[in-house]
């Protein structure tokens, strides 16, 4: 294959299917963490309500608990007067002051807001007619005992953790973070903080790929930069395979004389390379491999191609490793193309676009259909459009679906 190019490209869906078939998806270990440390973790078991929520009928406002039927006919000009009490039981002529969240006294079935009353020495005037249940959070209204409050495989957001805390639960069981080794290769690469020679460039893919792993919930392990040397690459790959659950490399996967990573992977891993050369643009030189069931994703060195390859192959894999029931979708929206874009027939194309609003309409401006080495195209874009293999492009004013990875500004 070297110096000859890829003779045959594997369709993306077939490549993904073959990759997943070669990976041993062992159930992720479950760990207990405090709710204060559980943000964005993946829940490993259902959270069930141990009691009704609320546990009792309670006031939803600041005001006075009363019997609703006693307010019939009340107006500001003809108020109903109630005797104030501190008792736990109300008769027809009594009212009890309550604050938001207070338990309703027995006999009360509604709460009148402070703004609709006037307080006297030992009585309160009510200026409005209310119905039974007004301004009351009823026992079990939110959850009944035994109800599933938060489902297993949910990514825990602040609102989930707030609900869990409401149930009195301080620790939750989540899936452990998969360890993901990230390796860059290439003699031309230099670490940040060092002075590059004239022919060198600063290495950035490890930062991007590691952050993408962290964003999803993985635990990146930095395997450094390997020279274009079989022994150096092999040593770092072996270290990564011993210490992590998944390996991602960038660079050294095309068909040049120094593109050594697939060759080394076949030496240190079994079965080794499963697919090499994918009908994907950008990202054609991507290779997929496994080492005794442990996945290895070999990405191109071009930054955008590496990001696209991660999106297509690493994202669904990490979601599965985290115990998620499906791939976590990106936010998508419909927008109109501002101009025509040509794409390669027979390949799944990821076209970067910048979505913006104009006169109440969402428009998608192509940033670049090419230039996989230009990471600035990713900072200028806020989403991408997937053009299938059987299309040769997108037409001007065509309504398309955009997968967002950044915000849409007005």
Protein backbone atom coordinates (compact mmCIF):
# COMPACT_ATOMS: atom_id res chain seq x y z
CA UNK A 1 0.00 0.00 0.00
CA UNK A 2 2.89 2.34 0.78
CA UNK A 3 3.55 4.94 -1.92
CA UNK A 4 0.67 3.51 -4.00
CA UNK A 5 -2.34 4.98 -2.27
CA UNK A 6 -5.43 3.18 -1.01
CA UNK A 7 -6.71 0.80 -3.64
CA UNK A 8 -10.09 0.34 -1.94
CA UNK A 9 -11.91 2.41 0.66
CA UNK A 10 -14.26 0.88 3.22
CA UNK A 11 -17.64 2.63 3.67
CA UNK A 12 -17.94 4.38 7.04
CA UNK A 13 -20.87 2.30 8.33
CA UNK A 14 -19.17 -0.97 7.40
CA UNK A 15 -15.91 0.19 9.02
CA UNK A 16 -17.71 1.09 12.22
CA UNK A 17 -19.53 -2.25 12.27
CA UNK A 18 -16.29 -4.20 11.80
CA UNK A 19 -14.54 -2.10 14.44
CA UNK A 20 -17.25 -2.70 17.04
CA UNK A 21 -17.33 -6.43 16.22
CA UNK A 22 -13.62 -6.70 17.07
CA UNK A 23 -13.91 -4.83 20.38
CA UNK A 24 -14.65 -6.59 23.65
CA UNK A 25 -17.12 -4.29 25.39
CA UNK A 26 -16.68 -5.39 28.98
CA UNK A 27 -19.12 -3.78 31.39
CA UNK A 28 -17.54 -0.66 32.83
CA UNK A 29 -16.69 -0.83 36.49
CA UNK A 30 -19.21 0.87 38.75
CA UNK A 31 -18.03 3.31 41.39
CA UNK A 32 -19.84 5.31 44.09
CA UNK A 33 -19.24 9.06 44.14
CA UNK A 34 -20.67 11.91 46.18
CA UNK A 35 -23.33 13.97 44.41
CA UNK A 36 -20.96 16.96 44.63
CA UNK A 37 -18.54 15.10 42.35
CA UNK A 38 -21.07 13.47 40.03
CA UNK A 39 -21.61 16.25 37.48
CA UNK A 40 -21.56 14.86 33.91
CA UNK A 41 -20.92 11.30 35.14
CA UNK A 42 -23.03 8.48 33.68
CA UNK A 43 -25.47 6.94 36.16
CA UNK A 44 -24.98 3.17 36.51
CA UNK A 45 -28.29 2.27 38.16
CA UNK A 46 -31.78 3.69 38.50
CA UNK A 47 -32.42 6.18 41.28
CA UNK A 48 -35.76 5.30 42.88
CA UNK A 49 -37.78 7.50 45.19
CA UNK A 50 -37.71 6.04 48.70
CA UNK A 51 -40.64 8.23 49.78
CA UNK A 52 -43.31 10.36 48.17
CA UNK A 53 -42.05 13.72 46.89
CA UNK A 54 -43.22 15.97 48.43
CA UNK A 55 -43.51 13.85 51.58
CA UNK A 56 -46.52 15.93 52.72
CA UNK A 57 -48.90 18.56 51.41
CA UNK A 58 -46.96 21.82 51.50
CA UNK A 59 -47.38 25.44 50.57
CA UNK A 60 -46.09 26.54 47.18
CA UNK A 61 -46.16 30.27 48.17
CA UNK A 62 -45.86 32.57 51.15
CA UNK A 63 -49.36 33.17 52.50
CA UNK A 64 -52.13 31.74 54.66
CA UNK A 65 -53.44 28.17 54.78
CA UNK A 66 -57.25 28.08 54.77
CA UNK A 67 -60.27 26.07 53.73
CA UNK A 68 -60.92 27.13 50.13
CA UNK A 69 -64.72 26.90 50.39
CA UNK A 70 -64.68 29.66 53.00
CA UNK A 71 -63.40 32.19 50.40
CA UNK A 72 -66.47 31.94 48.16
CA UNK A 73 -67.61 35.46 47.25
CA UNK A 74 -64.51 37.21 48.66
CA UNK A 75 -63.42 40.46 46.94
CA UNK A 76 -61.28 43.43 47.89
CA UNK A 77 -64.44 45.35 48.66
CA UNK A 78 -66.07 42.47 50.49
CA UNK A 79 -63.23 40.47 52.10
CA UNK A 80 -63.64 37.31 54.12
CA UNK A 81 -62.11 37.57 57.58
CA UNK A 82 -60.25 34.64 59.19
CA UNK A 83 -58.98 34.26 62.74
CA UNK A 84 -55.21 33.65 62.89
CA UNK A 85 -54.11 30.51 64.66
CA UNK A 86 -50.91 28.60 65.29
CA UNK A 87 -52.69 25.30 65.79
CA UNK A 88 -51.95 22.24 63.65
CA UNK A 89 -55.66 21.92 62.80
CA UNK A 90 -57.86 24.55 61.15
CA UNK A 91 -61.56 25.04 61.59
CA UNK A 92 -63.70 26.86 59.03
CA UNK A 93 -63.02 30.35 60.42
CA UNK A 94 -59.27 30.00 60.95
CA UNK A 95 -56.16 30.70 58.89
CA UNK A 96 -52.52 29.87 59.58
CA UNK A 97 -49.55 31.77 58.21
CA UNK A 98 -47.25 29.54 56.13
CA UNK A 99 -44.09 30.06 54.11
CA UNK A 100 -43.10 28.34 50.90
CA UNK A 101 -42.39 24.68 51.67
CA UNK A 102 -44.23 24.58 55.02
CA UNK A 103 -46.50 21.65 55.76
CA UNK A 104 -50.20 22.49 55.52
CA UNK A 105 -52.11 22.16 58.78
CA UNK A 106 -54.86 19.56 58.95
CA UNK A 107 -58.14 20.86 57.61
CA UNK A 108 -56.52 23.28 55.14
CA UNK A 109 -56.76 22.54 51.41
CA UNK A 110 -55.43 25.76 49.84
CA UNK A 111 -53.12 28.72 50.41
CA UNK A 112 -53.94 32.34 49.65
CA UNK A 113 -50.94 34.48 48.70
CA UNK A 114 -49.80 37.31 50.97
CA UNK A 115 -50.42 39.80 48.16
CA UNK A 116 -54.15 38.98 48.27
CA UNK A 117 -54.59 39.59 51.99
CA UNK A 118 -54.34 42.26 54.65
CA UNK A 119 -53.07 41.37 58.11
CA UNK A 120 -54.73 42.68 61.27
CA UNK A 121 -53.90 42.20 64.95
CA UNK A 122 -55.18 38.64 65.25
CA UNK A 123 -57.00 38.20 61.98
CA UNK A 124 -56.43 38.34 58.25
CA UNK A 125 -58.64 39.66 55.46
CA UNK A 126 -58.76 37.60 52.26
CA UNK A 127 -59.59 39.57 49.10
CA UNK A 128 -59.94 36.79 46.54
CA UNK A 129 -61.77 33.55 46.00
CA UNK A 130 -59.60 30.46 45.59
CA UNK A 131 -60.23 26.80 44.85
CA UNK A 132 -59.18 23.67 46.69
CA UNK A 133 -55.57 22.81 45.85
CA UNK A 134 -54.58 26.36 44.87
CA UNK A 135 -50.94 27.15 45.73
CA UNK A 136 -50.42 23.70 47.24
CA UNK A 137 -47.80 21.10 46.31
CA UNK A 138 -49.59 17.86 47.10
CA UNK A 139 -47.98 14.80 48.65
CA UNK A 140 -46.51 12.59 45.91
CA UNK A 141 -47.23 15.21 43.24
CA UNK A 142 -43.65 15.05 41.91
CA UNK A 143 -42.81 11.40 42.62
CA UNK A 144 -44.54 8.48 44.27
CA UNK A 145 -42.58 6.10 46.47
CA UNK A 146 -40.90 3.56 44.18
CA UNK A 147 -40.99 5.75 41.07
CA UNK A 148 -37.82 5.96 38.97
CA UNK A 149 -36.51 9.47 39.60
CA UNK A 150 -33.43 9.29 37.31
CA UNK A 151 -32.83 6.46 34.83
CA UNK A 152 -29.65 4.44 34.55
CA UNK A 153 -27.27 5.63 31.76
CA UNK A 154 -28.35 9.27 32.22
CA UNK A 155 -25.57 11.87 32.04
CA UNK A 156 -26.02 13.66 35.35
CA UNK A 157 -26.73 17.36 34.95
CA UNK A 158 -27.28 19.90 37.77
CA UNK A 159 -31.05 19.34 37.69
CA UNK A 160 -30.64 15.57 38.09
CA UNK A 161 -28.31 16.05 41.04
CA UNK A 162 -30.77 18.51 42.60
CA UNK A 163 -33.57 15.94 42.34
CA UNK A 164 -31.32 13.24 43.79
CA UNK A 165 -30.43 15.52 46.71
CA UNK A 166 -34.16 16.17 47.24
CA UNK A 167 -34.52 12.43 47.82
CA UNK A 168 -31.91 12.59 50.57
CA UNK A 169 -29.32 10.62 48.57
CA UNK A 170 -25.73 11.79 49.00
CA UNK A 171 -23.90 9.15 46.91
CA UNK A 172 -24.66 7.76 43.46
CA UNK A 173 -23.29 4.80 41.53
CA UNK A 174 -21.76 5.80 38.20
CA UNK A 175 -19.72 4.09 35.50
CA UNK A 176 -16.00 4.52 35.89
CA UNK A 177 -14.22 6.71 33.38
CA UNK A 178 -12.50 4.65 30.66
CA UNK A 179 -8.79 5.33 30.39
CA UNK A 180 -7.84 6.50 26.90
CA UNK A 181 -4.21 6.63 25.82
CA UNK A 182 -3.46 9.45 23.38
CA UNK A 183 -0.30 9.29 21.25
CA UNK A 184 1.06 11.61 18.56
CA UNK A 185 3.71 10.54 16.04
CA UNK A 186 6.06 12.42 13.75
CA UNK A 187 9.65 13.70 13.62
CA UNK A 188 8.29 17.12 12.70
CA UNK A 189 6.43 17.57 15.98
CA UNK A 190 7.72 19.46 18.99
CA UNK A 191 6.28 19.80 22.49
CA UNK A 192 4.83 23.09 23.66
CA UNK A 193 7.42 25.06 25.58
CA UNK A 194 10.29 23.89 23.40
CA UNK A 195 11.87 25.84 20.58
CA UNK A 196 11.05 24.28 17.18
CA UNK A 197 13.62 23.83 14.48
CA UNK A 198 12.89 25.39 11.12
CA UNK A 199 11.17 22.22 9.84
CA UNK A 200 9.19 21.49 13.02
CA UNK A 201 5.69 22.42 14.17
CA UNK A 202 4.06 22.50 17.59
CA UNK A 203 2.06 19.35 18.37
CA UNK A 204 -1.61 20.09 19.11
CA UNK A 205 -3.60 16.96 18.29
CA UNK A 206 -3.01 15.38 21.71
CA UNK A 207 -4.56 18.44 23.36
CA UNK A 208 -7.60 18.39 21.08
CA UNK A 209 -8.13 14.62 21.29
CA UNK A 210 -7.57 14.53 25.06
CA UNK A 211 -10.08 17.33 25.58
CA UNK A 212 -12.61 15.57 23.35
CA UNK A 213 -12.17 12.46 25.51
CA UNK A 214 -12.59 14.47 28.71
CA UNK A 215 -15.63 16.27 27.34
CA UNK A 216 -17.37 12.92 26.80
CA UNK A 217 -16.32 11.54 30.18
CA UNK A 218 -13.14 9.61 29.43
CA UNK A 219 -9.84 9.84 31.33
CA UNK A 220 -7.05 10.70 28.86
CA UNK A 221 -3.54 9.32 29.38
CA UNK A 222 -0.80 11.27 27.61
CA UNK A 223 1.53 8.90 25.77
CA UNK A 224 3.63 11.76 24.39
CA UNK A 225 5.14 12.16 20.93
CA UNK A 226 6.74 9.16 19.23
CA UNK A 227 9.42 9.66 16.60
CA UNK A 228 8.98 8.06 13.19
CA UNK A 229 10.73 5.02 14.57
CA UNK A 230 9.30 1.50 14.88
CA UNK A 231 10.78 0.84 18.33
CA UNK A 232 9.67 4.19 19.81
CA UNK A 233 6.12 3.80 18.51
CA UNK A 234 5.96 0.17 19.70
CA UNK A 235 7.19 1.02 23.21
CA UNK A 236 4.59 3.77 23.65
CA UNK A 237 1.78 1.62 22.23
CA UNK A 238 2.63 -1.22 24.63
CA UNK A 239 2.60 1.22 27.54
CA UNK A 240 -0.77 2.55 26.47
CA UNK A 241 -2.26 -0.91 26.02
CA UNK A 242 -1.08 -1.90 29.49
CA UNK A 243 -2.45 1.20 31.22
CA UNK A 244 -5.60 2.18 29.33
CA UNK A 245 -8.83 0.80 27.86
CA UNK A 246 -8.59 2.45 24.44
CA UNK A 247 -5.74 3.88 22.35
CA UNK A 248 -5.99 6.85 19.99
CA UNK A 249 -3.03 7.82 17.83
CA UNK A 250 -2.58 10.67 15.37
CA UNK A 251 -0.17 10.81 12.44
CA UNK A 252 1.78 8.16 10.60
CA UNK A 253 -1.22 6.39 9.07
CA UNK A 254 -1.14 7.34 5.40
CA UNK A 255 0.91 5.71 2.65
CA UNK A 256 4.23 7.56 2.93
CA UNK A 257 7.55 5.91 3.73
CA UNK A 258 7.48 7.14 7.35
CA UNK A 259 3.83 6.27 7.98
CA UNK A 260 4.70 3.46 10.37
CA UNK A 261 1.83 3.25 12.86
CA UNK A 262 -0.32 0.59 11.11
CA UNK A 263 2.79 -1.54 10.59
CA UNK A 264 3.73 -1.29 14.28
CA UNK A 265 0.18 -1.96 15.44
CA UNK A 266 0.19 -5.21 13.45
CA UNK A 267 3.37 -6.23 15.27
CA UNK A 268 2.28 -5.45 18.84
CA UNK A 269 -1.48 -6.16 18.64
CA UNK A 270 -3.66 -9.09 17.66
CA UNK A 271 -5.68 -9.14 15.44
CA UNK A 272 -4.15 -5.73 14.66
CA UNK A 273 -5.47 -3.67 11.76
CA UNK A 274 -9.12 -4.36 10.90
CA UNK A 275 -9.76 -1.53 8.44
CA UNK A 276 -7.34 0.90 6.81
CA UNK A 277 -8.57 3.48 4.35
CA UNK A 278 -12.12 4.69 4.87
CA UNK A 279 -14.53 6.44 2.50
CA UNK A 280 -14.51 9.51 4.72
CA UNK A 281 -13.59 13.11 3.95
CA UNK A 282 -11.64 14.42 5.69
CA UNK A 283 -10.10 11.37 7.35
CA UNK A 284 -9.54 8.84 4.55
CA UNK A 285 -6.24 7.41 5.99
CA UNK A 286 -7.93 6.52 9.29
CA UNK A 287 -7.27 2.95 10.45
CA UNK A 288 -9.16 0.84 12.99
CA UNK A 289 -7.49 -1.90 14.99
CA UNK A 290 -7.82 -4.03 18.10
CA UNK A 291 -5.50 -5.71 20.57
CA UNK A 292 -7.20 -8.71 22.17
CA UNK A 293 -10.49 -6.86 22.22
CA UNK A 294 -9.03 -3.48 23.20
CA UNK A 295 -9.78 -0.79 20.56
CA UNK A 296 -7.09 1.21 18.76
CA UNK A 297 -8.10 4.21 16.63
CA UNK A 298 -5.36 5.41 14.26
CA UNK A 299 -6.14 8.93 13.08
CA UNK A 300 -4.46 11.13 10.46
CA UNK A 301 -2.13 13.89 11.61
CA UNK A 302 -4.14 16.63 9.90
CA UNK A 303 -6.07 18.27 12.76
CA UNK A 304 -9.52 18.47 11.15
CA UNK A 305 -9.26 14.91 9.84
CA UNK A 306 -8.34 13.78 13.34
CA UNK A 307 -11.35 15.58 14.83
CA UNK A 308 -13.73 14.13 12.24
CA UNK A 309 -12.29 10.64 12.76
CA UNK A 310 -12.82 11.03 16.50
CA UNK A 311 -16.41 12.15 15.93
CA UNK A 312 -17.20 9.18 13.71
CA UNK A 313 -15.39 6.37 15.54
CA UNK A 314 -14.30 7.41 19.04
CA UNK A 315 -17.48 9.21 20.09
CA UNK A 316 -19.82 6.19 19.74
CA UNK A 317 -17.17 3.89 21.21
CA UNK A 318 -16.65 6.02 24.33
CA UNK A 319 -20.40 6.40 24.82
CA UNK A 320 -20.70 2.60 24.78
CA UNK A 321 -17.75 2.19 27.15
CA UNK A 322 -19.40 4.64 29.53
CA UNK A 323 -22.50 2.45 29.71
CA UNK A 324 -24.73 4.73 27.67
CA UNK A 325 -27.62 3.04 25.86
CA UNK A 326 -27.09 5.09 22.71
CA UNK A 327 -24.65 7.56 21.23
CA UNK A 328 -25.18 10.91 22.88
CA UNK A 329 -26.47 13.11 20.05
CA UNK A 330 -25.17 16.54 19.28
CA UNK A 331 -27.71 19.33 19.17
CA UNK A 332 -28.97 19.63 15.60
CA UNK A 333 -31.00 22.22 13.74
CA UNK A 334 -32.27 22.98 10.27
CA UNK A 335 -30.64 25.77 8.26
CA UNK A 336 -30.40 26.94 4.64
CA UNK A 337 -27.13 26.77 2.74
CA UNK A 338 -25.89 30.19 1.65
CA UNK A 339 -24.09 28.76 -1.39
CA UNK A 340 -23.41 25.54 -3.25
CA UNK A 341 -20.71 23.16 -2.03
CA UNK A 342 -19.20 20.35 -4.11
CA UNK A 343 -18.19 17.12 -2.35
CA UNK A 344 -16.57 13.86 -3.38
CA UNK A 345 -18.95 11.18 -4.62
CA UNK A 346 -18.50 7.83 -2.89
CA UNK A 347 -17.31 9.28 0.40
CA UNK A 348 -19.13 10.49 3.49
CA UNK A 349 -18.21 14.18 3.64
CA UNK A 350 -18.17 16.33 6.78
CA UNK A 351 -18.61 19.94 5.64
CA UNK A 352 -17.82 22.62 8.22
CA UNK A 353 -20.35 25.44 8.38
CA UNK A 354 -20.99 28.59 10.34
CA UNK A 355 -24.66 28.87 11.30
CA UNK A 356 -26.08 32.33 11.98
CA UNK A 357 -29.43 34.11 12.11
CA UNK A 358 -30.45 36.72 9.59
CA UNK A 359 -33.92 38.28 9.48
CA UNK A 360 -35.28 35.49 11.64
CA UNK A 361 -33.87 32.74 9.42
CA UNK A 362 -31.06 30.27 10.19
CA UNK A 363 -28.39 30.20 7.47
CA UNK A 364 -25.35 27.92 7.07
CA UNK A 365 -22.25 29.41 5.49
CA UNK A 366 -19.69 26.79 4.36
CA UNK A 367 -16.34 27.41 6.01
CA UNK A 368 -14.35 24.90 4.00
CA UNK A 369 -15.04 21.58 2.37
CA UNK A 370 -11.30 20.95 2.17
CA UNK A 371 -8.26 22.02 4.15
CA UNK A 372 -8.06 19.19 6.70
CA UNK A 373 -4.80 20.68 7.98
CA UNK A 374 -6.40 24.01 8.81
CA UNK A 375 -7.68 23.76 12.39
CA UNK A 376 -8.75 27.41 12.20
CA UNK A 377 -11.65 26.23 10.02
CA UNK A 378 -12.99 24.48 13.13
CA UNK A 379 -12.83 27.67 15.17
CA UNK A 380 -14.62 29.60 12.42
CA UNK A 381 -17.32 26.92 12.17
CA UNK A 382 -19.92 26.06 14.80
CA UNK A 383 -21.24 22.88 13.21
CA UNK A 384 -20.95 20.40 10.41
CA UNK A 385 -23.18 18.91 7.74
CA UNK A 386 -22.85 15.25 6.78
CA UNK A 387 -23.13 14.73 3.04
CA UNK A 388 -23.78 11.04 2.24
CA UNK A 389 -21.75 8.99 -0.18
CA UNK A 390 -24.39 9.15 -2.94
CA UNK A 391 -24.40 12.97 -3.09
CA UNK A 392 -21.99 15.21 -5.00
CA UNK A 393 -22.63 18.27 -2.88
CA UNK A 394 -25.17 20.63 -1.38
CA UNK A 395 -27.17 23.20 -3.28
CA UNK A 396 -27.61 26.88 -2.50
CA UNK A 397 -30.70 27.48 -0.29
CA UNK A 398 -30.99 23.73 0.36
CA UNK A 399 -32.45 23.01 3.81
CA UNK A 400 -29.92 20.87 5.65
CA UNK A 401 -29.43 19.40 9.13
CA UNK A 402 -26.46 20.83 11.02
CA UNK A 403 -24.78 19.07 13.96
CA UNK A 404 -23.67 21.83 16.30
CA UNK A 405 -20.47 21.83 18.34
CA UNK A 406 -20.66 25.51 19.33
CA UNK A 407 -23.27 28.19 19.94
CA UNK A 408 -25.28 30.02 17.28
CA UNK A 409 -24.86 33.76 17.59
CA UNK A 410 -27.34 36.37 16.41
